[in-house]
């Protein structure tokens, strides 16, 4: 009996694979990843989320929260300093110019210190917001459950790109700030700055 005989099972050739691409073996027990859902760029290593692009309302809410974090404390500090400036020396007698001027000179260094504190808070708060935004979510975006990512890779921007994007918001301020309203009807929910920087804001839920 020859090895090529059909009666010899050991001489049979292995069955050919069906037409089509061969299946890739699963890697260490991980299931194959599904294709990204609508509204999401290809994001290697990131899970697909159902939210799609962030709504204009969510973006506005996040911007408002970040704005209040940055400016609310300085506004309160400046208001306190102005109140002190106008009330300090109120115990001076009427038309006592010497007493009034002495009181103003006395309070002036304290007012300057308050203004310096307000300025430092403004700078530090904006840096903090940009650092967090460079990692994907500023405090406002985290509250509104949205995330800023690169359109092509799905990764975070980093501080430098987040700062450059903030500068590009000047384009959004032009023409009656139409760029800030653009995400309301844009297919990807992008502002002009997003289009220049190739970024998108997505929902995380």
N, C-alpha and C. Protein backbone atom coordinates (compact mmCIF):
# COMPACT_ATOMS: atom_id res chain seq x y z
N UNK A 1 0.86 -1.20 0.00
CA UNK A 1 0.00 0.00 0.00
C UNK A 1 0.89 1.24 0.00
N UNK A 2 0.69 2.12 -0.93
CA UNK A 2 1.55 3.30 -1.03
C UNK A 2 1.04 4.38 -0.10
N UNK A 3 1.95 5.34 0.20
CA UNK A 3 1.58 6.44 1.10
C UNK A 3 0.61 7.40 0.45
N UNK A 4 0.56 7.35 -0.91
CA UNK A 4 -0.38 8.25 -1.59
C UNK A 4 -1.74 7.67 -1.79
N UNK A 5 -1.97 6.46 -1.29
CA UNK A 5 -3.26 5.80 -1.50
C UNK A 5 -4.34 6.51 -0.70
N UNK A 6 -5.56 6.63 -1.25
CA UNK A 6 -6.65 7.26 -0.48
C UNK A 6 -7.06 6.46 0.72
N UNK A 7 -6.69 5.12 0.78
CA UNK A 7 -7.02 4.30 1.93
C UNK A 7 -6.08 4.52 3.10
N UNK A 8 -5.01 5.26 2.84
CA UNK A 8 -4.02 5.51 3.90
C UNK A 8 -4.28 6.89 4.50
N UNK A 9 -4.81 6.99 5.72
CA UNK A 9 -5.11 8.31 6.29
C UNK A 9 -3.88 9.14 6.54
N UNK A 10 -2.70 8.47 6.72
CA UNK A 10 -1.49 9.23 7.01
C UNK A 10 -0.94 9.91 5.77
N UNK A 11 -1.41 9.52 4.62
CA UNK A 11 -0.91 10.12 3.41
C UNK A 11 -1.76 11.27 2.91
N UNK A 12 -2.85 11.57 3.60
CA UNK A 12 -3.72 12.64 3.14
C UNK A 12 -3.13 14.00 3.45
N UNK A 13 -3.36 14.93 2.57
CA UNK A 13 -2.87 16.29 2.75
C UNK A 13 -3.85 17.04 3.67
N UNK A 14 -3.34 17.99 4.45
CA UNK A 14 -4.23 18.79 5.31
C UNK A 14 -5.18 19.63 4.49
N UNK A 15 -6.36 19.81 5.04
CA UNK A 15 -7.39 20.59 4.33
C UNK A 15 -6.95 22.02 4.18
N UNK A 16 -7.24 22.62 3.03
CA UNK A 16 -6.88 24.00 2.77
C UNK A 16 -7.85 24.93 3.52
N UNK A 17 -7.32 26.09 3.90
CA UNK A 17 -8.16 27.06 4.60
C UNK A 17 -9.17 27.65 3.65
N UNK A 18 -10.29 28.06 4.19
CA UNK A 18 -11.33 28.67 3.39
C UNK A 18 -10.84 30.00 2.84
N UNK A 19 -11.54 30.45 1.78
CA UNK A 19 -11.17 31.74 1.19
C UNK A 19 -11.39 32.85 2.22
N UNK A 20 -10.59 33.91 2.10
CA UNK A 20 -10.70 35.03 3.03
C UNK A 20 -9.44 35.15 3.85
N UNK A 21 -9.34 36.22 4.61
CA UNK A 21 -8.15 36.49 5.41
C UNK A 21 -8.08 35.50 6.56
N UNK A 22 -6.89 35.00 6.88
CA UNK A 22 -6.76 34.09 8.02
C UNK A 22 -7.04 34.80 9.31
N UNK A 23 -7.60 34.10 10.25
CA UNK A 23 -7.92 34.69 11.54
C UNK A 23 -6.66 34.82 12.37
N UNK A 24 -6.58 35.96 13.05
CA UNK A 24 -5.44 36.20 13.91
C UNK A 24 -5.68 35.55 15.26
N UNK A 25 -4.67 34.91 15.80
CA UNK A 25 -4.86 34.30 17.12
C UNK A 25 -5.03 35.36 18.19
N UNK A 26 -5.83 35.02 19.18
CA UNK A 26 -6.02 35.95 20.31
C UNK A 26 -4.74 36.06 21.10
N UNK A 27 -4.46 37.25 21.57
CA UNK A 27 -3.23 37.52 22.29
C UNK A 27 -3.45 37.38 23.78
N UNK A 28 -2.88 36.33 24.33
CA UNK A 28 -2.86 36.15 25.78
C UNK A 28 -4.24 36.28 26.39
N UNK A 29 -5.24 35.75 25.74
CA UNK A 29 -6.57 35.70 26.35
C UNK A 29 -7.40 36.94 26.18
N UNK A 30 -6.84 38.03 25.51
CA UNK A 30 -7.63 39.24 25.34
C UNK A 30 -8.56 39.07 24.15
N UNK A 31 -9.83 39.45 24.27
CA UNK A 31 -10.75 39.34 23.14
C UNK A 31 -10.40 40.35 22.07
N UNK A 32 -10.72 40.05 20.82
CA UNK A 32 -10.45 41.02 19.75
C UNK A 32 -11.25 42.29 19.99
N UNK A 33 -10.61 43.46 19.69
CA UNK A 33 -11.24 44.74 19.96
C UNK A 33 -12.20 45.09 18.85
N UNK A 34 -13.31 45.69 19.26
CA UNK A 34 -14.32 46.10 18.28
C UNK A 34 -13.87 47.37 17.58
N UNK A 35 -14.44 47.61 16.43
CA UNK A 35 -14.12 48.83 15.70
C UNK A 35 -14.69 50.02 16.43
N UNK A 36 -14.03 51.21 16.33
CA UNK A 36 -14.53 52.40 17.03
C UNK A 36 -15.93 52.74 16.58
N UNK A 37 -16.72 53.23 17.52
CA UNK A 37 -18.09 53.61 17.22
C UNK A 37 -18.14 54.91 16.46
N UNK A 38 -19.32 55.35 16.08
CA UNK A 38 -19.46 56.59 15.33
C UNK A 38 -19.01 57.77 16.16
N UNK A 39 -18.32 58.70 15.49
CA UNK A 39 -17.86 59.89 16.19
C UNK A 39 -16.52 59.74 16.85
N UNK A 40 -15.82 58.63 16.67
CA UNK A 40 -14.53 58.42 17.31
C UNK A 40 -13.46 58.15 16.27
N UNK A 41 -12.28 58.77 16.43
CA UNK A 41 -11.16 58.41 15.56
C UNK A 41 -10.58 57.07 15.98
N UNK A 42 -9.68 56.56 15.18
CA UNK A 42 -8.98 55.34 15.57
C UNK A 42 -8.12 55.63 16.78
N UNK A 43 -8.30 54.89 17.85
CA UNK A 43 -7.60 55.15 19.09
C UNK A 43 -6.94 53.87 19.57
N UNK A 44 -5.69 53.65 19.20
CA UNK A 44 -5.05 52.41 19.61
C UNK A 44 -5.01 52.27 21.13
N UNK A 45 -5.49 51.15 21.61
CA UNK A 45 -5.41 50.88 23.04
C UNK A 45 -6.51 51.50 23.86
N UNK A 46 -7.39 52.31 23.27
CA UNK A 46 -8.45 52.96 24.03
C UNK A 46 -9.76 52.24 23.81
N UNK A 47 -10.56 52.03 24.85
CA UNK A 47 -11.86 51.36 24.66
C UNK A 47 -12.83 52.25 23.91
N UNK A 48 -13.72 51.65 23.20
CA UNK A 48 -14.73 52.39 22.46
C UNK A 48 -15.81 52.84 23.42
N UNK A 49 -16.20 54.09 23.33
CA UNK A 49 -17.23 54.62 24.20
C UNK A 49 -18.41 55.06 23.34
N UNK A 50 -19.61 55.00 23.88
CA UNK A 50 -20.79 55.26 23.06
C UNK A 50 -21.15 56.73 22.92
N UNK A 51 -20.46 57.63 23.61
CA UNK A 51 -20.92 59.01 23.67
C UNK A 51 -20.69 59.81 22.42
N UNK A 52 -19.69 59.49 21.61
CA UNK A 52 -19.39 60.28 20.42
C UNK A 52 -18.78 61.62 20.79
N UNK A 53 -18.92 62.57 19.88
CA UNK A 53 -18.37 63.90 20.12
C UNK A 53 -19.17 64.62 21.20
N UNK A 54 -18.48 65.45 21.97
CA UNK A 54 -19.13 66.18 23.06
C UNK A 54 -20.09 67.22 22.50
N UNK A 55 -21.18 67.44 23.19
CA UNK A 55 -22.16 68.44 22.76
C UNK A 55 -21.64 69.84 23.06
N UNK A 56 -22.27 70.82 22.39
CA UNK A 56 -21.89 72.21 22.63
C UNK A 56 -22.19 72.61 24.07
N UNK A 57 -23.29 72.13 24.61
CA UNK A 57 -23.64 72.47 25.99
C UNK A 57 -22.62 71.96 26.99
N UNK A 58 -22.14 70.73 26.77
CA UNK A 58 -21.13 70.18 27.67
C UNK A 58 -19.83 70.97 27.59
N UNK A 59 -19.46 71.37 26.38
CA UNK A 59 -18.23 72.16 26.21
C UNK A 59 -18.38 73.52 26.86
N UNK A 60 -19.55 74.15 26.71
CA UNK A 60 -19.78 75.45 27.33
C UNK A 60 -19.73 75.34 28.85
N UNK A 61 -20.36 74.30 29.40
CA UNK A 61 -20.32 74.10 30.84
C UNK A 61 -18.91 73.91 31.37
N UNK A 62 -18.09 73.15 30.64
CA UNK A 62 -16.71 72.92 31.05
C UNK A 62 -15.91 74.22 31.01
N UNK A 63 -16.11 75.01 29.95
CA UNK A 63 -15.41 76.30 29.83
C UNK A 63 -15.81 77.25 30.96
N UNK A 64 -17.09 77.27 31.29
CA UNK A 64 -17.58 78.14 32.36
C UNK A 64 -16.96 77.75 33.70
N UNK A 65 -16.88 76.46 33.98
CA UNK A 65 -16.29 76.00 35.24
C UNK A 65 -14.82 76.38 35.32
N UNK A 66 -14.07 76.15 34.23
CA UNK A 66 -12.65 76.51 34.22
C UNK A 66 -12.47 78.02 34.37
N UNK A 67 -13.35 78.80 33.74
CA UNK A 67 -13.27 80.26 33.84
C UNK A 67 -13.49 80.72 35.28
N UNK A 68 -14.47 80.13 35.95
CA UNK A 68 -14.74 80.52 37.33
C UNK A 68 -13.59 80.13 38.25
N UNK A 69 -12.98 78.97 37.99
CA UNK A 69 -11.82 78.56 38.80
C UNK A 69 -10.69 79.58 38.67
N UNK A 70 -10.51 80.10 37.46
CA UNK A 70 -9.38 81.00 37.20
C UNK A 70 -9.64 82.41 37.70
N UNK A 71 -10.87 82.92 37.57
CA UNK A 71 -11.09 84.35 37.81
C UNK A 71 -11.94 84.67 39.03
N UNK A 72 -12.66 83.71 39.57
CA UNK A 72 -13.56 84.04 40.67
C UNK A 72 -12.80 84.54 41.90
N UNK A 73 -11.74 83.84 42.28
CA UNK A 73 -10.95 84.25 43.45
C UNK A 73 -10.28 85.61 43.22
N UNK A 74 -9.63 85.86 42.06
CA UNK A 74 -9.09 87.21 41.83
C UNK A 74 -10.13 88.32 41.89
N UNK A 75 -11.33 88.05 41.36
CA UNK A 75 -12.38 89.07 41.42
C UNK A 75 -12.74 89.39 42.86
N UNK A 76 -12.86 88.37 43.69
CA UNK A 76 -13.19 88.59 45.11
C UNK A 76 -12.07 89.35 45.80
N UNK A 77 -10.82 88.99 45.51
CA UNK A 77 -9.68 89.67 46.16
C UNK A 77 -9.63 91.14 45.76
N UNK A 78 -9.81 91.43 44.46
CA UNK A 78 -9.79 92.82 44.01
C UNK A 78 -10.95 93.60 44.61
N UNK A 79 -12.12 92.99 44.71
CA UNK A 79 -13.26 93.67 45.31
C UNK A 79 -13.00 94.01 46.77
N UNK A 80 -12.36 93.09 47.51
CA UNK A 80 -12.02 93.36 48.91
C UNK A 80 -11.03 94.50 49.01
N UNK A 81 -10.03 94.52 48.10
CA UNK A 81 -9.02 95.57 48.15
C UNK A 81 -9.64 96.94 47.86
N UNK A 82 -10.56 97.01 46.92
CA UNK A 82 -11.21 98.28 46.62
C UNK A 82 -12.09 98.74 47.77
N UNK A 83 -12.74 97.78 48.43
CA UNK A 83 -13.56 98.14 49.59
C UNK A 83 -12.70 98.70 50.71
N UNK A 84 -11.55 98.07 50.95
CA UNK A 84 -10.64 98.55 51.99
C UNK A 84 -10.11 99.94 51.65
N UNK A 85 -9.83 100.14 50.38
CA UNK A 85 -9.27 101.43 49.96
C UNK A 85 -10.25 102.57 50.24
N UNK A 86 -11.54 102.31 50.07
CA UNK A 86 -12.53 103.37 50.24
C UNK A 86 -13.02 103.50 51.68
N UNK A 87 -12.83 102.47 52.47
CA UNK A 87 -13.32 102.55 53.85
C UNK A 87 -12.21 102.80 54.87
N UNK A 88 -10.95 102.51 54.47
CA UNK A 88 -9.86 102.72 55.42
C UNK A 88 -9.70 104.21 55.71
N UNK A 89 -9.64 104.55 56.98
CA UNK A 89 -9.54 105.96 57.37
C UNK A 89 -10.88 106.64 57.50
N UNK A 90 -11.94 105.84 57.55
CA UNK A 90 -13.27 106.44 57.68
C UNK A 90 -13.47 107.09 59.05
N UNK A 91 -12.57 106.79 60.01
CA UNK A 91 -12.69 107.39 61.33
C UNK A 91 -12.08 108.79 61.38
N UNK A 92 -11.47 109.21 60.25
CA UNK A 92 -10.91 110.57 60.22
C UNK A 92 -12.05 111.60 60.23
N UNK A 93 -11.76 112.71 60.80
CA UNK A 93 -12.77 113.76 60.84
C UNK A 93 -13.01 114.31 59.44
N UNK A 94 -14.18 114.87 59.26
CA UNK A 94 -14.58 115.40 57.96
C UNK A 94 -13.62 116.51 57.54
N UNK A 95 -13.15 116.41 56.27
CA UNK A 95 -12.23 117.35 55.66
C UNK A 95 -10.86 117.34 56.32
N UNK A 96 -10.54 116.31 57.08
CA UNK A 96 -9.19 116.18 57.64
C UNK A 96 -8.32 115.49 56.58
N UNK A 97 -7.79 116.28 55.66
CA UNK A 97 -7.04 115.75 54.53
C UNK A 97 -5.79 115.01 54.99
N UNK A 98 -5.13 115.53 55.99
CA UNK A 98 -3.91 114.90 56.48
C UNK A 98 -4.17 113.50 57.00
N UNK A 99 -5.22 113.32 57.77
CA UNK A 99 -5.56 112.00 58.31
C UNK A 99 -5.96 111.04 57.19
N UNK A 100 -6.73 111.57 56.23
CA UNK A 100 -7.17 110.72 55.12
C UNK A 100 -6.00 110.25 54.28
N UNK A 101 -5.07 111.14 53.96
CA UNK A 101 -3.90 110.77 53.16
C UNK A 101 -3.00 109.79 53.92
N UNK A 102 -2.87 109.97 55.21
CA UNK A 102 -2.06 109.05 56.01
C UNK A 102 -2.68 107.65 56.02
N UNK A 103 -4.01 107.59 56.08
CA UNK A 103 -4.70 106.30 56.08
C UNK A 103 -4.52 105.59 54.74
N UNK A 104 -4.58 106.37 53.64
CA UNK A 104 -4.39 105.77 52.33
C UNK A 104 -2.97 105.24 52.15
N UNK A 105 -1.99 106.00 52.65
CA UNK A 105 -0.61 105.52 52.57
C UNK A 105 -0.40 104.27 53.41
N UNK A 106 -1.13 104.18 54.49
CA UNK A 106 -1.01 103.03 55.38
C UNK A 106 -1.57 101.76 54.74
N UNK A 107 -2.68 101.89 54.02
CA UNK A 107 -3.33 100.71 53.45
C UNK A 107 -2.78 100.34 52.08
N UNK A 108 -2.04 101.26 51.42
CA UNK A 108 -1.59 101.03 50.05
C UNK A 108 -0.74 99.77 49.89
N UNK A 109 0.25 99.50 50.75
CA UNK A 109 1.03 98.26 50.58
C UNK A 109 0.18 96.99 50.70
N UNK A 110 -0.81 97.02 51.57
CA UNK A 110 -1.68 95.87 51.74
C UNK A 110 -2.52 95.64 50.48
N UNK A 111 -2.97 96.73 49.85
CA UNK A 111 -3.75 96.61 48.62
C UNK A 111 -2.89 96.03 47.50
N UNK A 112 -1.65 96.50 47.39
CA UNK A 112 -0.74 95.96 46.37
C UNK A 112 -0.48 94.47 46.60
N UNK A 113 -0.36 94.08 47.85
CA UNK A 113 -0.16 92.66 48.16
C UNK A 113 -1.36 91.83 47.74
N UNK A 114 -2.56 92.37 47.95
CA UNK A 114 -3.77 91.65 47.53
C UNK A 114 -3.83 91.53 46.01
N UNK A 115 -3.47 92.60 45.30
CA UNK A 115 -3.47 92.54 43.84
C UNK A 115 -2.45 91.53 43.33
N UNK A 116 -1.28 91.50 43.97
CA UNK A 116 -0.27 90.53 43.57
C UNK A 116 -0.77 89.10 43.81
N UNK A 117 -1.47 88.89 44.92
CA UNK A 117 -2.04 87.57 45.20
C UNK A 117 -3.08 87.19 44.15
N UNK A 118 -3.90 88.15 43.75
CA UNK A 118 -4.91 87.88 42.72
C UNK A 118 -4.24 87.51 41.39
N UNK A 119 -3.16 88.22 41.05
CA UNK A 119 -2.45 87.93 39.80
C UNK A 119 -1.80 86.55 39.84
N UNK A 120 -1.17 86.21 40.96
CA UNK A 120 -0.54 84.90 41.09
C UNK A 120 -1.58 83.78 40.99
N UNK A 121 -2.73 83.98 41.62
CA UNK A 121 -3.79 82.97 41.52
C UNK A 121 -4.22 82.79 40.06
N UNK A 122 -4.39 83.90 39.34
CA UNK A 122 -4.83 83.84 37.95
C UNK A 122 -3.84 83.06 37.09
N UNK A 123 -2.54 83.35 37.27
CA UNK A 123 -1.52 82.65 36.49
C UNK A 123 -1.45 81.18 36.88
N UNK A 124 -1.41 80.90 38.19
CA UNK A 124 -1.29 79.51 38.65
C UNK A 124 -2.51 78.68 38.25
N UNK A 125 -3.70 79.28 38.33
CA UNK A 125 -4.91 78.54 37.98
C UNK A 125 -4.94 78.20 36.50
N UNK A 126 -4.51 79.13 35.64
CA UNK A 126 -4.48 78.87 34.21
C UNK A 126 -3.45 77.81 33.86
N UNK A 127 -2.29 77.84 34.51
CA UNK A 127 -1.29 76.80 34.27
C UNK A 127 -1.82 75.44 34.71
N UNK A 128 -2.47 75.40 35.87
CA UNK A 128 -3.06 74.15 36.36
C UNK A 128 -4.09 73.61 35.38
N UNK A 129 -4.95 74.49 34.87
CA UNK A 129 -5.99 74.07 33.92
C UNK A 129 -5.36 73.55 32.64
N UNK A 130 -4.31 74.23 32.14
CA UNK A 130 -3.67 73.79 30.90
C UNK A 130 -2.95 72.46 31.09
N UNK A 131 -2.33 72.26 32.25
CA UNK A 131 -1.66 70.98 32.52
C UNK A 131 -2.68 69.85 32.50
N UNK A 132 -3.81 70.06 33.18
CA UNK A 132 -4.85 69.03 33.20
C UNK A 132 -5.46 68.82 31.82
N UNK A 133 -5.65 69.92 31.06
CA UNK A 133 -6.20 69.79 29.72
C UNK A 133 -5.23 69.07 28.80
N UNK A 134 -3.93 69.32 29.00
CA UNK A 134 -2.93 68.62 28.21
C UNK A 134 -2.93 67.12 28.46
N UNK A 135 -3.40 66.72 29.64
CA UNK A 135 -3.52 65.30 29.95
C UNK A 135 -4.86 64.72 29.51
N UNK A 136 -5.75 65.57 29.01
CA UNK A 136 -7.02 65.09 28.48
C UNK A 136 -8.24 65.79 29.04
N UNK A 137 -8.22 66.19 30.30
CA UNK A 137 -9.43 66.76 30.89
C UNK A 137 -9.08 67.82 31.92
N UNK A 138 -9.46 69.06 31.65
CA UNK A 138 -9.36 70.12 32.64
C UNK A 138 -10.39 69.86 33.74
N UNK A 139 -10.32 70.60 34.86
CA UNK A 139 -11.35 70.38 35.90
C UNK A 139 -12.77 70.51 35.37
N UNK A 140 -13.01 71.50 34.52
CA UNK A 140 -14.35 71.65 33.96
C UNK A 140 -14.75 70.49 33.06
N UNK A 141 -13.83 70.03 32.24
CA UNK A 141 -14.12 68.89 31.36
C UNK A 141 -14.34 67.62 32.17
N UNK A 142 -13.61 67.49 33.25
CA UNK A 142 -13.79 66.30 34.09
C UNK A 142 -15.18 66.29 34.72
N UNK A 143 -15.64 67.46 35.17
CA UNK A 143 -16.97 67.55 35.76
C UNK A 143 -18.05 67.25 34.72
N UNK A 144 -17.85 67.76 33.50
CA UNK A 144 -18.84 67.57 32.43
C UNK A 144 -18.66 66.24 31.70
N UNK A 145 -17.67 65.44 32.12
CA UNK A 145 -17.44 64.11 31.57
C UNK A 145 -17.16 64.14 30.06
N UNK A 146 -16.24 65.04 29.69
CA UNK A 146 -15.77 65.11 28.32
C UNK A 146 -14.24 65.12 28.35
N UNK A 147 -13.63 64.88 27.19
CA UNK A 147 -12.18 64.72 27.13
C UNK A 147 -11.65 65.31 25.82
N UNK A 148 -10.50 65.99 25.91
CA UNK A 148 -9.83 66.57 24.75
C UNK A 148 -8.73 65.63 24.28
N UNK A 149 -8.76 65.27 22.98
CA UNK A 149 -7.77 64.33 22.45
C UNK A 149 -7.32 64.80 21.07
N UNK A 150 -6.21 64.21 20.60
CA UNK A 150 -5.77 64.41 19.23
C UNK A 150 -6.70 63.64 18.29
N UNK A 151 -7.06 64.26 17.20
CA UNK A 151 -7.99 63.62 16.28
C UNK A 151 -7.39 62.39 15.62
N UNK A 152 -6.11 62.42 15.30
CA UNK A 152 -5.50 61.34 14.53
C UNK A 152 -5.13 60.14 15.40
N UNK A 153 -4.65 60.38 16.60
CA UNK A 153 -4.14 59.29 17.43
C UNK A 153 -5.03 58.96 18.62
N UNK A 154 -5.88 59.90 19.04
CA UNK A 154 -6.69 59.67 20.23
C UNK A 154 -5.95 59.88 21.52
N UNK A 155 -4.69 60.34 21.45
CA UNK A 155 -3.90 60.57 22.65
C UNK A 155 -4.04 61.98 23.18
N UNK A 156 -3.52 62.26 24.37
CA UNK A 156 -3.58 63.61 24.94
C UNK A 156 -2.65 64.58 24.21
N UNK A 157 -2.86 65.87 24.41
CA UNK A 157 -2.09 66.88 23.69
C UNK A 157 -0.74 67.16 24.33
N UNK A 158 -0.69 67.19 25.65
CA UNK A 158 0.49 67.68 26.34
C UNK A 158 0.35 69.17 26.60
N UNK A 159 1.14 69.68 27.55
CA UNK A 159 1.01 71.07 27.98
C UNK A 159 1.28 72.06 26.85
N UNK A 160 2.35 71.85 26.08
CA UNK A 160 2.71 72.79 25.03
C UNK A 160 1.62 72.92 23.97
N UNK A 161 1.07 71.81 23.51
CA UNK A 161 0.02 71.85 22.51
C UNK A 161 -1.27 72.42 23.08
N UNK A 162 -1.54 72.15 24.36
CA UNK A 162 -2.72 72.73 24.99
C UNK A 162 -2.60 74.25 25.08
N UNK A 163 -1.38 74.74 25.37
CA UNK A 163 -1.15 76.18 25.41
C UNK A 163 -1.32 76.79 24.01
N UNK A 164 -0.78 76.12 22.99
CA UNK A 164 -0.91 76.62 21.63
C UNK A 164 -2.38 76.62 21.20
N UNK A 165 -3.13 75.62 21.61
CA UNK A 165 -4.57 75.58 21.30
C UNK A 165 -5.28 76.74 21.98
N UNK A 166 -4.88 77.07 23.20
CA UNK A 166 -5.48 78.22 23.89
C UNK A 166 -5.22 79.51 23.11
N UNK A 167 -4.00 79.64 22.57
CA UNK A 167 -3.67 80.82 21.78
C UNK A 167 -4.51 80.85 20.50
N UNK A 168 -4.71 79.68 19.90
CA UNK A 168 -5.51 79.60 18.67
C UNK A 168 -6.97 79.94 18.89
N UNK A 169 -7.40 79.99 20.14
CA UNK A 169 -8.78 80.39 20.41
C UNK A 169 -9.02 81.84 20.00
N UNK A 170 -7.93 82.56 19.72
CA UNK A 170 -8.10 83.90 19.17
C UNK A 170 -8.87 83.89 17.86
N UNK A 171 -8.71 82.81 17.09
CA UNK A 171 -9.49 82.66 15.85
C UNK A 171 -10.98 82.51 16.16
N UNK A 172 -11.28 81.85 17.27
CA UNK A 172 -12.69 81.67 17.65
C UNK A 172 -13.32 82.98 18.10
N UNK A 173 -12.48 83.88 18.63
CA UNK A 173 -13.00 85.17 19.11
C UNK A 173 -13.29 86.13 17.96
N UNK A 174 -12.67 85.89 16.79
CA UNK A 174 -12.89 86.78 15.65
C UNK A 174 -14.32 86.63 15.13
N UNK A 175 -14.76 87.67 14.44
CA UNK A 175 -16.10 87.67 13.82
C UNK A 175 -17.19 87.34 14.84
N UNK A 176 -17.25 88.16 15.88
CA UNK A 176 -18.31 88.04 16.90
C UNK A 176 -18.28 86.68 17.61
N UNK A 177 -17.09 86.13 17.79
CA UNK A 177 -16.90 84.87 18.53
C UNK A 177 -17.67 83.71 17.90
N UNK A 178 -17.78 83.73 16.57
CA UNK A 178 -18.53 82.68 15.89
C UNK A 178 -17.86 81.32 16.05
N UNK A 179 -16.53 81.32 16.25
CA UNK A 179 -15.81 80.06 16.39
C UNK A 179 -16.22 79.27 17.62
N UNK A 180 -16.61 79.98 18.68
CA UNK A 180 -17.04 79.28 19.89
C UNK A 180 -18.42 78.63 19.70
N UNK A 181 -19.22 79.18 18.79
CA UNK A 181 -20.54 78.60 18.51
C UNK A 181 -20.47 77.50 17.45
N UNK A 182 -19.36 77.42 16.73
CA UNK A 182 -19.25 76.49 15.62
C UNK A 182 -19.51 75.02 16.00
N UNK A 183 -19.06 74.57 17.19
CA UNK A 183 -19.33 73.16 17.54
C UNK A 183 -20.81 72.80 17.60
N UNK A 184 -21.69 73.78 17.70
CA UNK A 184 -23.12 73.48 17.80
C UNK A 184 -23.66 72.83 16.54
N UNK A 185 -23.04 73.11 15.38
CA UNK A 185 -23.51 72.52 14.12
C UNK A 185 -22.41 71.81 13.34
N UNK A 186 -21.19 71.84 13.83
CA UNK A 186 -20.09 71.16 13.14
C UNK A 186 -20.24 69.64 13.29
N UNK A 187 -19.88 68.90 12.24
CA UNK A 187 -20.03 67.44 12.26
C UNK A 187 -19.20 66.78 13.34
N UNK A 188 -18.04 67.35 13.65
CA UNK A 188 -17.16 66.80 14.68
C UNK A 188 -17.18 67.63 15.95
N UNK A 189 -18.04 68.63 16.01
CA UNK A 189 -18.12 69.46 17.20
C UNK A 189 -16.86 70.24 17.47
N UNK A 190 -16.19 70.73 16.42
CA UNK A 190 -14.91 71.41 16.58
C UNK A 190 -15.07 72.92 16.50
N UNK A 191 -14.26 73.63 17.28
CA UNK A 191 -14.08 75.06 17.09
C UNK A 191 -13.03 75.28 16.01
N UNK A 192 -12.79 76.54 15.64
CA UNK A 192 -11.74 76.83 14.66
C UNK A 192 -10.37 76.40 15.22
N UNK A 193 -10.17 76.62 16.52
CA UNK A 193 -8.91 76.21 17.14
C UNK A 193 -8.73 74.70 17.06
N UNK A 194 -9.81 73.95 17.25
CA UNK A 194 -9.73 72.49 17.14
C UNK A 194 -9.34 72.07 15.72
N UNK A 195 -9.89 72.74 14.73
CA UNK A 195 -9.58 72.38 13.35
C UNK A 195 -8.12 72.67 13.03
N UNK A 196 -7.60 73.79 13.53
CA UNK A 196 -6.20 74.12 13.30
C UNK A 196 -5.28 73.13 14.00
N UNK A 197 -5.62 72.79 15.25
CA UNK A 197 -4.77 71.91 16.05
C UNK A 197 -5.08 70.43 15.82
N UNK A 198 -6.14 70.13 15.04
CA UNK A 198 -6.55 68.76 14.79
C UNK A 198 -6.86 68.02 16.09
N UNK A 199 -7.74 68.64 16.87
CA UNK A 199 -8.18 68.06 18.12
C UNK A 199 -9.69 67.91 18.10
N UNK A 200 -10.20 67.02 18.92
CA UNK A 200 -11.64 66.84 19.10
C UNK A 200 -11.93 66.67 20.59
N UNK A 201 -13.14 66.99 20.96
CA UNK A 201 -13.59 66.80 22.33
C UNK A 201 -14.66 65.73 22.30
N UNK A 202 -14.46 64.67 23.07
CA UNK A 202 -15.38 63.54 23.06
C UNK A 202 -16.03 63.37 24.42
N UNK A 203 -17.16 62.71 24.42
CA UNK A 203 -17.85 62.37 25.67
C UNK A 203 -17.25 61.10 26.23
N UNK A 204 -17.13 61.03 27.54
CA UNK A 204 -16.55 59.85 28.17
C UNK A 204 -17.60 58.94 28.78
N UNK A 205 -18.86 59.19 28.47
CA UNK A 205 -19.91 58.31 28.99
C UNK A 205 -20.91 57.98 27.91
